[in-house]
Amino acid sequence: MPTTIKLPYWRLSGFYFFYFAALGCFLPYWALYLQSLGFNHSQIGLLMAILPATKVISPTLWGWLADHTGRNIALIRVSSCLTAASFALVFKEDSFVWLALTIFLVSFFWNAPMPLFEALTLSYLRQDSHRYTSIRIWGSIGFVLAVFAVGWALDAFLAMACLPWLVLGQFLFMALVSLVLPGRSMQVHGIVAGSLRAIFQRKGVIAFFLVCLLVQISHGPYYSFFSVYLKESGYNASQTGLLWSLAIVAEILLFSVFHRVSRRINLRGVMLVGTALSVLRWFLIAWWVDNTVLLILAQLLHAASFGANHVAAIQFIHKHFAWPHQSKGQALYGSLSFGLGGMLGSFASGEVWVSLGPEFVFSAAAGMCLAALLIVWGWVEKPEMVKHP
């Protein structure tokens, strides 16, 4: 990419900010909102599993369309606007079936823009991909501000019934930012038959995707039931928001320094450390939720369980999937990890939360990360993970 092209830093950062601010309003508190409507743990698990479930299909469909048309920006705008429009349907009624159908529709559109946007951001950065975290950090900032503000508001003066309005507000801002993103033609090449198959024949690629799947399965109970677990353990909404925020602050700190040192770091090593510390994190949450100090430590380890693994994954996709397949590569990563992995983790944890208990659920999450650690150690080769100088 010619160096004369100016990086639209604030518009790229702004989209990350509001996309993840919406997630910050939704993810920590939606299970509590569903609980306030009278749904049981199994129903909550099913409803929370819809968001990652659509990631199994939605990003791949939109990514394929983007790579075959080169119209990333238009697709980002359409999907962002339809996300906001479809979420407004939650106000019609609050039955289980209606909410399930509505969240499915919302998720189909909400899961679409981010893989396309990741590819767009990297298309601007190209050889400066180490600067990715300096842009992506604004998504973490948006998430932590939303989590903290919503938690405080729900404790101080807002009823839980107001939560959908807060989520809708962030979706509207996300849609508005998408409309001012700079137009950019994504280069589309003729796709060589079997080229994707050739990518997957490289040693370590399949192992990499399996690691991403296992890590996100382990996050399923956290995203779906961590807030419920805290509430059942005596924490209020403000404390819940602070604990969620602490995790994202740790992620922000990682992103703020990673781009400065990424050229000198072996990304396979990052994944080894990230998966190993993930094992520790889930064991701490499982057995020491009443110990505030250890729970804080567990939340700080979010920088490892999510932040480090995600950055390594983005760099891996950027290296191994050539530009004709860049959007598909990002979409495949989202589909297999956040999609299939998140769906399996959310659904399974909801099914056994009451019968086996949260200690078992989070211990099983630790087991998933232990398996991921062994796969990284045995099958993800160092040469496959080294970033371009």
Foldseek 3Di string as FASTA:
>chain_A
DDPVDDDPQVLLLQLLLLLLLLVLLCQLCVLVLVVVVPDALLLLLQLQLLLLQLLLPQLLVLLVVCLVPQQLLVLLLVLLVQLLVLLVQCVVDPDSVSSSVSVNSNSSSSSHNPLSSLLVNCVVCVVLCLCVLVSNLSNLVSSLVSLQVNLVCCVPPDPSVCSSVSSSVSSVSSSVSSVPPDDDGQDHDDDDPCPVVVLVPDFQPVLLLLLLLLLLLLCQCVRRCVSVVLVVVPDGSNVSSVLLSLLSVLLSVCSVCRSVCVLPDQLLVLLLQLLLLLLVLLLLCLPPVVPVVSSSVSSSSSNRSPNSSVVLQSQLLSPRADSSCSSSSSSNSSSSRSRNSNSNNSNVCSVCCVVPHSSVSSNVSSVSSVVSSVSSVPTRDRVSRNGDD
